[in-house]
């Protein structure tokens, strides 16, 4: 018989502060899969990669990829029995694109992943 377990999420002061959310998980958070929305008008996302939590601070993401809307899935340790990582949650956050222009690396990833 399966029973539901309630996952404990860290308290939130700002819903879109991924670095603060990751800090709440502490060492339980092992990896973050990061996506960036191609533009603000369509629900099309570019995969940016898997990053260590310390690489997902707002300032570092802004410097590397520029402004825009992002999604990050937070994962924990590998579960051998289930053959997957422990999933914590998905976090959405935005970075002002007027202050942080889109970088060349981001534009290249968008071109590579969204060729028609």
Protein backbone atom coordinates (compact mmCIF):
# COMPACT_ATOMS: atom_id res chain seq x y z
CA UNK A 1 0.00 0.00 0.00
CA UNK A 2 1.40 3.35 -1.00
CA UNK A 3 1.07 6.33 1.28
CA UNK A 4 1.50 9.93 0.29
CA UNK A 5 4.29 11.81 1.94
CA UNK A 6 4.23 15.54 2.21
CA UNK A 7 7.36 17.23 0.90
CA UNK A 8 8.65 20.03 3.02
CA UNK A 9 9.45 23.14 1.05
CA UNK A 10 11.55 25.93 2.46
CA UNK A 11 9.69 29.11 3.45
CA UNK A 12 9.41 31.78 0.73
CA UNK A 13 10.12 35.46 1.09
CA UNK A 14 10.22 36.17 -2.64
CA UNK A 15 8.62 33.58 -4.98
CA UNK A 16 11.07 34.11 -7.83
CA UNK A 17 14.39 34.24 -5.97
CA UNK A 18 15.85 30.90 -7.08
CA UNK A 19 19.06 31.39 -5.14
CA UNK A 20 17.09 31.91 -1.93
CA UNK A 21 14.90 28.87 -2.66
CA UNK A 22 17.99 26.74 -3.30
CA UNK A 23 19.49 28.02 -0.06
CA UNK A 24 16.41 26.75 1.75
CA UNK A 25 17.04 23.23 0.46
CA UNK A 26 20.68 23.40 1.52
CA UNK A 27 22.81 20.38 0.59
CA UNK A 28 19.71 18.34 -0.33
CA UNK A 29 19.56 20.24 -3.67
CA UNK A 30 22.17 18.67 -5.93
CA UNK A 31 21.39 19.87 -9.44
CA UNK A 32 19.19 22.38 -11.29
CA UNK A 33 17.98 21.92 -14.86
CA UNK A 34 17.61 25.37 -16.36
CA UNK A 35 15.50 26.60 -19.30
CA UNK A 36 15.01 30.08 -20.75
CA UNK A 37 11.90 31.26 -22.56
CA UNK A 38 12.72 32.08 -26.18
CA UNK A 39 10.58 35.21 -26.13
CA UNK A 40 7.81 36.57 -23.96
CA UNK A 41 5.01 35.85 -26.45
CA UNK A 42 5.24 32.07 -26.94
CA UNK A 43 5.51 29.09 -24.65
CA UNK A 44 8.76 27.94 -26.24
CA UNK A 45 11.76 27.16 -24.02
CA UNK A 46 15.48 26.66 -24.66
CA UNK A 47 17.31 24.10 -22.56
CA UNK A 48 20.41 25.63 -20.97
CA UNK A 49 21.77 22.64 -19.08
CA UNK A 50 22.24 21.07 -15.67
CA UNK A 51 23.96 23.22 -13.10
CA UNK A 52 25.14 22.98 -9.52
CA UNK A 53 22.95 25.04 -7.17
CA UNK A 54 25.76 27.52 -6.53
CA UNK A 55 25.81 28.30 -10.29
CA UNK A 56 22.14 29.31 -10.23
CA UNK A 57 22.41 32.56 -8.34
CA UNK A 58 20.43 35.29 -10.10
CA UNK A 59 23.54 37.39 -10.75
CA UNK A 60 25.47 34.47 -12.29
CA UNK A 61 22.55 33.41 -14.51
CA UNK A 62 22.13 37.02 -15.66
CA UNK A 63 25.83 37.36 -16.52
CA UNK A 64 25.97 34.10 -18.44
CA UNK A 65 22.59 34.06 -20.24
CA UNK A 66 21.16 37.58 -19.97
CA UNK A 67 17.70 38.70 -18.96
CA UNK A 68 14.42 36.96 -19.64
CA UNK A 69 12.11 34.38 -18.10
CA UNK A 70 13.58 31.18 -16.70
CA UNK A 71 12.46 27.85 -15.26
CA UNK A 72 14.59 25.72 -13.02
CA UNK A 73 13.81 22.19 -11.87
CA UNK A 74 15.47 21.36 -8.57
CA UNK A 75 16.67 17.80 -8.00
CA UNK A 76 18.28 15.94 -5.12
CA UNK A 77 20.17 12.68 -4.85
CA UNK A 78 19.87 9.73 -7.21
CA UNK A 79 17.39 7.09 -6.06
CA UNK A 80 18.69 3.68 -7.20
CA UNK A 81 15.37 1.91 -6.71
CA UNK A 82 13.36 4.41 -8.75
CA UNK A 83 16.25 5.02 -11.16
CA UNK A 84 15.87 8.78 -11.06
CA UNK A 85 16.81 11.81 -9.05
CA UNK A 86 14.63 13.05 -6.23
CA UNK A 87 12.48 15.87 -7.63
CA UNK A 88 11.82 18.85 -5.35
CA UNK A 89 10.07 21.48 -7.44
CA UNK A 90 10.08 23.75 -10.48
CA UNK A 91 10.80 27.43 -9.93
CA UNK A 92 10.05 30.23 -12.39
CA UNK A 93 11.91 33.52 -12.22
CA UNK A 94 12.64 36.56 -14.31
CA UNK A 95 15.66 38.77 -14.88
CA UNK A 96 15.27 42.29 -16.27
CA UNK A 97 16.39 42.13 -19.90
CA UNK A 98 16.89 45.91 -20.03
CA UNK A 99 19.68 45.61 -17.46
CA UNK A 100 20.99 42.26 -18.75
CA UNK A 101 20.94 41.89 -22.57
CA UNK A 102 20.76 38.40 -24.05
CA UNK A 103 24.25 36.94 -24.40
CA UNK A 104 25.83 35.40 -27.49
CA UNK A 105 25.84 31.98 -25.78
CA UNK A 106 22.08 32.18 -25.27
CA UNK A 107 21.41 33.27 -28.85
CA UNK A 108 23.52 30.37 -30.13
CA UNK A 109 21.59 27.86 -27.98
CA UNK A 110 18.28 29.27 -29.23
CA UNK A 111 19.43 28.98 -32.86
CA UNK A 112 20.68 25.42 -32.35
CA UNK A 113 17.55 24.17 -30.61
CA UNK A 114 14.87 25.99 -32.58
CA UNK A 115 15.85 25.64 -36.20
CA UNK A 116 12.79 25.34 -38.43
